[in-house]
Every structure is written in C-alpha cells, then in structure tokens.
Amino acid sequence: MNCFYHPDHPAVGLCKHCQRGLCADCAAVVDDVLACVGRHEDEVRMSEQLTARNLFQSKRVSASYLRNAIFYGLVGVLFAGFGWMQYRFLGLQAVFFILIGLFLLYASIANYLEGRKHK
C-alpha cells in the first residue's frame, strides 16, 4: 500500500479518522495511533478520549450491576423465606411473598449476568 498523499512513498499505517494510507512524512502519532498530520489530529484525539471515557464508564456500570444483584438477592431471600415460614398462618398472602422473593432472585441473577458483559 502506498501513501494517499504521496503515491510514490510506501505507507507506514492508516489514519484512524479517514483510513487512508500514510507515509512517514504524512503521519502524526496522536495517543499511540496515527492521524493525517495537520488534518485529522484533533478528531483522532477526541475519538481516543471518548474511547477512554467509555471504558471507564463501562467499569462503573459493571460495579452498579453487581451492587444491584447483591441487593436483589438479599431482599429476594428475605421475601421468599418470610413467605415460606408464614405459609400456614398467611395462606395465599404467603404465596404472594414467595413469588415476590423468586422474582427478586431472578432479577439478581439477571443483574449479575448483565454486569459480567461489561467487564
């Protein structure tokens, strides 16, 4: 592959913004990636900053899902356990507590699995 701006020079890499081949004279290194010198340096810098922020946010989202999973699991166990222990006294109301507990345990598992996607 040859340089887009100097067809007689071999390309050393691609611009991250426009994906054009660049020779050593046309390439600028911005945050460890290549950009067209004087043309796309600002765009590549902003793109790299956005990528870094997204990675940081992804880790925060993962932690939030884990906290939710723990909370839902504990409350689900409490509801299901209360319903189970009070079944003979409350009857159908106890079944309602058990169902709420099971739903919260399902939500706990769903949050845990969703949080693992964001690691």
N, C-alpha and C. Protein backbone atom coordinates (compact mmCIF):
# COMPACT_ATOMS: atom_id res chain seq x y z
N MET A 1 0.85 -1.16 0.00
CA MET A 1 0.00 0.00 0.00
C MET A 1 0.90 1.23 0.00
N ASN A 2 0.47 2.24 -0.71
CA ASN A 2 1.23 3.49 -0.79
C ASN A 2 0.49 4.61 -0.07
N CYS A 3 1.22 5.69 0.17
CA CYS A 3 0.67 6.85 0.84
C CYS A 3 -0.40 7.50 -0.04
N PHE A 4 -1.50 7.92 0.56
CA PHE A 4 -2.58 8.57 -0.19
C PHE A 4 -2.11 9.91 -0.76
N TYR A 5 -1.32 10.64 0.01
CA TYR A 5 -0.89 11.98 -0.41
C TYR A 5 0.39 11.96 -1.24
N HIS A 6 1.21 10.92 -1.10
CA HIS A 6 2.45 10.74 -1.88
C HIS A 6 2.44 9.32 -2.45
N PRO A 7 1.83 9.12 -3.61
CA PRO A 7 1.68 7.76 -4.16
C PRO A 7 3.00 7.03 -4.41
N ASP A 8 4.12 7.74 -4.45
CA ASP A 8 5.41 7.07 -4.70
C ASP A 8 6.09 6.62 -3.40
N HIS A 9 5.52 6.93 -2.21
CA HIS A 9 6.07 6.52 -0.93
C HIS A 9 5.24 5.37 -0.35
N PRO A 10 5.90 4.39 0.26
CA PRO A 10 5.13 3.31 0.91
C PRO A 10 4.45 3.81 2.19
N ALA A 11 3.30 3.28 2.47
CA ALA A 11 2.55 3.67 3.67
C ALA A 11 3.10 2.94 4.89
N VAL A 12 3.13 3.64 6.03
CA VAL A 12 3.56 3.02 7.28
C VAL A 12 2.36 2.68 8.16
N GLY A 13 1.18 3.16 7.80
CA GLY A 13 -0.01 2.88 8.58
C GLY A 13 -1.21 3.62 8.02
N LEU A 14 -2.34 3.50 8.73
CA LEU A 14 -3.58 4.13 8.30
C LEU A 14 -3.99 5.21 9.29
N CYS A 15 -4.58 6.28 8.77
CA CYS A 15 -5.14 7.32 9.63
C CYS A 15 -6.37 6.74 10.32
N LYS A 16 -6.47 6.93 11.63
CA LYS A 16 -7.60 6.38 12.37
C LYS A 16 -8.91 7.06 12.00
N HIS A 17 -8.85 8.30 11.51
CA HIS A 17 -10.07 9.04 11.18
C HIS A 17 -10.56 8.72 9.76
N CYS A 18 -9.68 8.81 8.78
CA CYS A 18 -10.12 8.65 7.39
C CYS A 18 -9.72 7.32 6.76
N GLN A 19 -8.91 6.52 7.45
CA GLN A 19 -8.47 5.20 6.99
C GLN A 19 -7.64 5.26 5.71
N ARG A 20 -6.97 6.37 5.46
CA ARG A 20 -6.09 6.49 4.30
C ARG A 20 -4.68 6.07 4.68
N GLY A 21 -3.98 5.47 3.72
CA GLY A 21 -2.59 5.09 3.94
C GLY A 21 -1.71 6.32 4.08
N LEU A 22 -0.76 6.28 5.02
CA LEU A 22 0.11 7.43 5.28
C LEU A 22 1.57 7.01 5.27
N CYS A 23 2.41 7.86 4.66
CA CYS A 23 3.85 7.63 4.72
C CYS A 23 4.38 8.28 6.01
N ALA A 24 5.67 8.14 6.25
CA ALA A 24 6.26 8.69 7.48
C ALA A 24 6.15 10.20 7.53
N ASP A 25 6.16 10.89 6.39
CA ASP A 25 6.07 12.35 6.36
C ASP A 25 4.64 12.84 6.65
N CYS A 26 3.63 12.05 6.31
CA CYS A 26 2.23 12.47 6.46
C CYS A 26 1.58 11.97 7.75
N ALA A 27 2.27 11.13 8.47
CA ALA A 27 1.68 10.52 9.67
C ALA A 27 2.08 11.30 10.92
N ALA A 28 1.10 11.52 11.77
CA ALA A 28 1.34 12.12 13.09
C ALA A 28 0.85 11.12 14.14
N VAL A 29 1.64 10.90 15.18
CA VAL A 29 1.25 9.98 16.23
C VAL A 29 0.48 10.76 17.29
N VAL A 30 -0.79 10.37 17.49
CA VAL A 30 -1.66 11.02 18.47
C VAL A 30 -2.19 9.94 19.39
N ASP A 31 -1.78 9.98 20.66
CA ASP A 31 -2.23 8.99 21.64
C ASP A 31 -2.01 7.56 21.15
N ASP A 32 -0.84 7.28 20.63
CA ASP A 32 -0.42 5.96 20.16
C ASP A 32 -1.14 5.47 18.92
N VAL A 33 -1.82 6.33 18.19
CA VAL A 33 -2.43 5.96 16.91
C VAL A 33 -2.03 6.99 15.87
N LEU A 34 -2.20 6.63 14.61
CA LEU A 34 -1.80 7.53 13.52
C LEU A 34 -2.95 8.41 13.06
N ALA A 35 -2.57 9.62 12.62
CA ALA A 35 -3.53 10.57 12.06
C ALA A 35 -2.84 11.32 10.94
N CYS A 36 -3.62 11.85 10.02
CA CYS A 36 -3.07 12.70 8.97
C CYS A 36 -2.52 13.97 9.63
N VAL A 37 -1.24 14.27 9.37
CA VAL A 37 -0.61 15.42 10.01
C VAL A 37 -1.29 16.71 9.52
N GLY A 38 -1.71 17.54 10.46
CA GLY A 38 -2.34 18.81 10.13
C GLY A 38 -3.77 18.72 9.64
N ARG A 39 -4.33 17.52 9.55
CA ARG A 39 -5.69 17.37 9.04
C ARG A 39 -6.64 16.76 10.07
N HIS A 40 -6.28 15.61 10.60
CA HIS A 40 -7.21 14.86 11.46
C HIS A 40 -6.70 14.63 12.87
N GLU A 41 -5.71 15.37 13.29
CA GLU A 41 -5.14 15.15 14.62
C GLU A 41 -6.15 15.43 15.73
N ASP A 42 -6.90 16.52 15.61
CA ASP A 42 -7.90 16.85 16.64
C ASP A 42 -9.01 15.81 16.71
N GLU A 43 -9.48 15.35 15.53
CA GLU A 43 -10.55 14.36 15.51
C GLU A 43 -10.11 13.05 16.16
N VAL A 44 -8.88 12.63 15.87
CA VAL A 44 -8.36 11.38 16.44
C VAL A 44 -8.17 11.54 17.95
N ARG A 45 -7.69 12.69 18.40
CA ARG A 45 -7.51 12.93 19.83
C ARG A 45 -8.86 12.85 20.55
N MET A 46 -9.90 13.49 19.98
CA MET A 46 -11.22 13.44 20.60
C MET A 46 -11.78 12.02 20.60
N SER A 47 -11.54 11.28 19.53
CA SER A 47 -12.01 9.89 19.45
C SER A 47 -11.34 9.03 20.51
N GLU A 48 -10.06 9.21 20.72
CA GLU A 48 -9.34 8.44 21.74
C GLU A 48 -9.81 8.80 23.15
N GLN A 49 -10.08 10.08 23.40
CA GLN A 49 -10.60 10.50 24.70
C GLN A 49 -11.98 9.89 24.96
N LEU A 50 -12.81 9.89 23.92
CA LEU A 50 -14.15 9.30 24.06
C LEU A 50 -14.06 7.80 24.35
N THR A 51 -13.15 7.12 23.68
CA THR A 51 -12.96 5.69 23.92
C THR A 51 -12.51 5.44 25.36
N ALA A 52 -11.59 6.25 25.86
CA ALA A 52 -11.11 6.09 27.23
C ALA A 52 -12.24 6.34 28.23
N ARG A 53 -13.06 7.36 27.98
CA ARG A 53 -14.19 7.62 28.88
C ARG A 53 -15.19 6.48 28.86
N ASN A 54 -15.45 5.92 27.68
CA ASN A 54 -16.39 4.80 27.59
C ASN A 54 -15.90 3.58 28.34
N LEU A 55 -14.61 3.31 28.27
CA LEU A 55 -14.05 2.18 29.02
C LEU A 55 -14.18 2.40 30.52
N PHE A 56 -13.94 3.63 30.97
CA PHE A 56 -14.08 3.95 32.38
C PHE A 56 -15.53 3.79 32.83
N GLN A 57 -16.46 4.29 32.04
CA GLN A 57 -17.89 4.18 32.38
C GLN A 57 -18.33 2.73 32.39
N SER A 58 -17.79 1.92 31.50
CA SER A 58 -18.16 0.52 31.45
C SER A 58 -17.81 -0.19 32.75
N LYS A 59 -16.68 0.14 33.34
CA LYS A 59 -16.30 -0.46 34.62
C LYS A 59 -17.23 0.00 35.73
N ARG A 60 -17.66 1.27 35.68
CA ARG A 60 -18.60 1.77 36.69
C ARG A 60 -19.95 1.09 36.55
N VAL A 61 -20.39 0.87 35.33
CA VAL A 61 -21.67 0.20 35.09
C VAL A 61 -21.63 -1.22 35.62
N SER A 62 -20.52 -1.90 35.41
CA SER A 62 -20.37 -3.27 35.90
C SER A 62 -20.51 -3.33 37.42
N ALA A 63 -19.90 -2.37 38.11
CA ALA A 63 -19.99 -2.34 39.58
C ALA A 63 -21.43 -2.08 40.03
N SER A 64 -22.15 -1.25 39.30
CA SER A 64 -23.55 -0.97 39.64
C SER A 64 -24.41 -2.21 39.50
N TYR A 65 -24.20 -2.95 38.44
CA TYR A 65 -24.96 -4.19 38.26
C TYR A 65 -24.68 -5.18 39.39
N LEU A 66 -23.42 -5.26 39.82
CA LEU A 66 -23.08 -6.18 40.89
C LEU A 66 -23.74 -5.76 42.21
N ARG A 67 -23.73 -4.45 42.51
CA ARG A 67 -24.42 -3.98 43.72
C ARG A 67 -25.90 -4.29 43.66
N ASN A 68 -26.52 -4.08 42.50
CA ASN A 68 -27.94 -4.39 42.36
C ASN A 68 -28.20 -5.88 42.55
N ALA A 69 -27.33 -6.71 42.00
CA ALA A 69 -27.51 -8.15 42.12
C ALA A 69 -27.45 -8.59 43.59
N ILE A 70 -26.52 -8.03 44.34
CA ILE A 70 -26.41 -8.38 45.76
C ILE A 70 -27.66 -7.93 46.51
N PHE A 71 -28.10 -6.70 46.27
CA PHE A 71 -29.28 -6.18 46.96
C PHE A 71 -30.52 -7.00 46.62
N TYR A 72 -30.76 -7.23 45.34
CA TYR A 72 -31.94 -8.01 44.94
C TYR A 72 -31.89 -9.43 45.52
N GLY A 73 -30.70 -10.02 45.54
CA GLY A 73 -30.57 -11.36 46.09
C GLY A 73 -30.92 -11.42 47.57
N LEU A 74 -30.40 -10.47 48.34
CA LEU A 74 -30.70 -10.45 49.77
C LEU A 74 -32.18 -10.20 50.04
N VAL A 75 -32.76 -9.23 49.37
CA VAL A 75 -34.18 -8.93 49.58
C VAL A 75 -35.04 -10.09 49.08
N GLY A 76 -34.64 -10.72 47.99
CA GLY A 76 -35.38 -11.88 47.47
C GLY A 76 -35.38 -13.03 48.45
N VAL A 77 -34.23 -13.29 49.05
CA VAL A 77 -34.15 -14.36 50.06
C VAL A 77 -35.03 -14.03 51.26
N LEU A 78 -35.02 -12.77 51.68
CA LEU A 78 -35.86 -12.37 52.82
C LEU A 78 -37.35 -12.56 52.51
N PHE A 79 -37.78 -12.10 51.34
CA PHE A 79 -39.19 -12.25 50.97
C PHE A 79 -39.59 -13.72 50.86
N ALA A 80 -38.77 -14.49 50.14
CA ALA A 80 -39.11 -15.90 49.95
C ALA A 80 -39.08 -16.64 51.29
N GLY A 81 -38.09 -16.36 52.12
CA GLY A 81 -38.02 -17.01 53.43
C GLY A 81 -39.18 -16.63 54.33
N PHE A 82 -39.55 -15.35 54.32
CA PHE A 82 -40.70 -14.93 55.13
C PHE A 82 -41.98 -15.61 54.66
N GLY A 83 -42.18 -15.64 53.36
CA GLY A 83 -43.37 -16.30 52.82
C GLY A 83 -43.40 -17.79 53.16
N TRP A 84 -42.25 -18.44 53.07
CA TRP A 84 -42.17 -19.88 53.37
C TRP A 84 -42.48 -20.15 54.84
N MET A 85 -41.93 -19.30 55.72
CA MET A 85 -42.11 -19.52 57.16
C MET A 85 -43.54 -19.18 57.62
N GLN A 86 -44.18 -18.27 56.93
CA GLN A 86 -45.51 -17.82 57.35
C GLN A 86 -46.63 -18.44 56.52
N TYR A 87 -46.32 -19.46 55.74
CA TYR A 87 -47.32 -20.03 54.83
C TYR A 87 -48.55 -20.54 55.58
N ARG A 88 -48.37 -21.24 56.66
CA ARG A 88 -49.54 -21.82 57.34
C ARG A 88 -50.36 -20.76 58.07
N PHE A 89 -49.76 -19.59 58.36
CA PHE A 89 -50.51 -18.53 59.03
C PHE A 89 -51.18 -17.57 58.04
N LEU A 90 -50.50 -17.30 56.93
CA LEU A 90 -51.00 -16.30 55.98
C LEU A 90 -51.68 -16.90 54.76
N GLY A 91 -51.40 -18.13 54.44
CA GLY A 91 -52.04 -18.79 53.31
C GLY A 91 -51.63 -18.18 51.98
N LEU A 92 -52.61 -17.66 51.23
CA LEU A 92 -52.38 -17.12 49.89
C LEU A 92 -51.47 -15.89 49.92
N GLN A 93 -51.52 -15.11 50.97
CA GLN A 93 -50.63 -13.96 51.09
C GLN A 93 -49.17 -14.40 51.16
N ALA A 94 -48.91 -15.50 51.80
CA ALA A 94 -47.55 -16.02 51.89
C ALA A 94 -47.05 -16.45 50.51
N VAL A 95 -47.94 -17.00 49.68
CA VAL A 95 -47.56 -17.36 48.31
C VAL A 95 -47.14 -16.11 47.55
N PHE A 96 -47.85 -15.03 47.78
CA PHE A 96 -47.51 -13.76 47.15
C PHE A 96 -46.10 -13.32 47.55
N PHE A 97 -45.75 -13.44 48.84
CA PHE A 97 -44.40 -13.10 49.30
C PHE A 97 -43.35 -14.01 48.66
N ILE A 98 -43.67 -15.27 48.53
CA ILE A 98 -42.74 -16.22 47.91
C ILE A 98 -42.51 -15.85 46.45
N LEU A 99 -43.57 -15.50 45.74
CA LEU A 99 -43.44 -15.12 44.33
C LEU A 99 -42.61 -13.85 44.17
N ILE A 100 -42.83 -12.89 45.06
CA ILE A 100 -42.01 -11.67 45.00
C ILE A 100 -40.55 -12.02 45.25
N GLY A 101 -40.30 -12.88 46.22
CA GLY A 101 -38.93 -13.30 46.51
C GLY A 101 -38.28 -14.00 45.33
N LEU A 102 -39.02 -14.88 44.67
CA LEU A 102 -38.48 -15.57 43.50
C LEU A 102 -38.21 -14.60 42.35
N PHE A 103 -39.10 -13.63 42.17
CA PHE A 103 -38.87 -12.64 41.12
C PHE A 103 -37.61 -11.81 41.43
N LEU A 104 -37.41 -11.44 42.69
CA LEU A 104 -36.22 -10.68 43.05
C LEU A 104 -34.95 -11.53 42.89
N LEU A 105 -35.03 -12.81 43.16
CA LEU A 105 -33.87 -13.68 42.92
C LEU A 105 -33.57 -13.78 41.43
N TYR A 106 -34.61 -13.83 40.61
CA TYR A 106 -34.41 -13.81 39.15
C TYR A 106 -33.75 -12.50 38.73
N ALA A 107 -34.22 -11.37 39.29
CA ALA A 107 -33.63 -10.07 38.97
C ALA A 107 -32.17 -10.02 39.40
N SER A 108 -31.86 -10.65 40.52
CA SER A 108 -30.49 -10.69 41.00
C SER A 108 -29.59 -11.44 40.01
N ILE A 109 -30.05 -12.57 39.55
CA ILE A 109 -29.27 -13.35 38.58
C ILE A 109 -29.12 -12.58 37.27
N ALA A 110 -30.20 -11.95 36.82
CA ALA A 110 -30.14 -11.18 35.57
C ALA A 110 -29.16 -10.01 35.69
N ASN A 111 -29.15 -9.31 36.81
CA ASN A 111 -28.21 -8.21 37.00
C ASN A 111 -26.78 -8.70 37.06
N TYR A 112 -26.56 -9.82 37.72
CA TYR A 112 -25.21 -10.38 37.79
C TYR A 112 -24.69 -10.73 36.39
N LEU A 113 -25.52 -11.39 35.60
CA LEU A 113 -25.09 -11.78 34.25
C LEU A 113 -24.89 -10.57 33.36
N GLU A 114 -25.72 -9.55 33.50
CA GLU A 114 -25.56 -8.33 32.70
C GLU A 114 -24.28 -7.60 33.09
N GLY A 115 -23.96 -7.59 34.37
CA GLY A 115 -22.74 -6.94 34.82
C GLY A 115 -21.50 -7.62 34.30
N ARG A 116 -21.55 -8.92 34.11
CA ARG A 116 -20.39 -9.64 33.56
C ARG A 116 -20.13 -9.28 32.11
N LYS A 117 -21.15 -8.83 31.40
CA LYS A 117 -20.95 -8.40 30.00
C LYS A 117 -20.11 -7.15 29.90
N HIS A 118 -20.12 -6.31 30.93
CA HIS A 118 -19.46 -5.01 30.87
C HIS A 118 -18.05 -5.01 31.44
N LYS A 119 -17.51 -6.17 31.77
CA LYS A 119 -16.14 -6.22 32.32
C LYS A 119 -15.13 -6.14 31.23
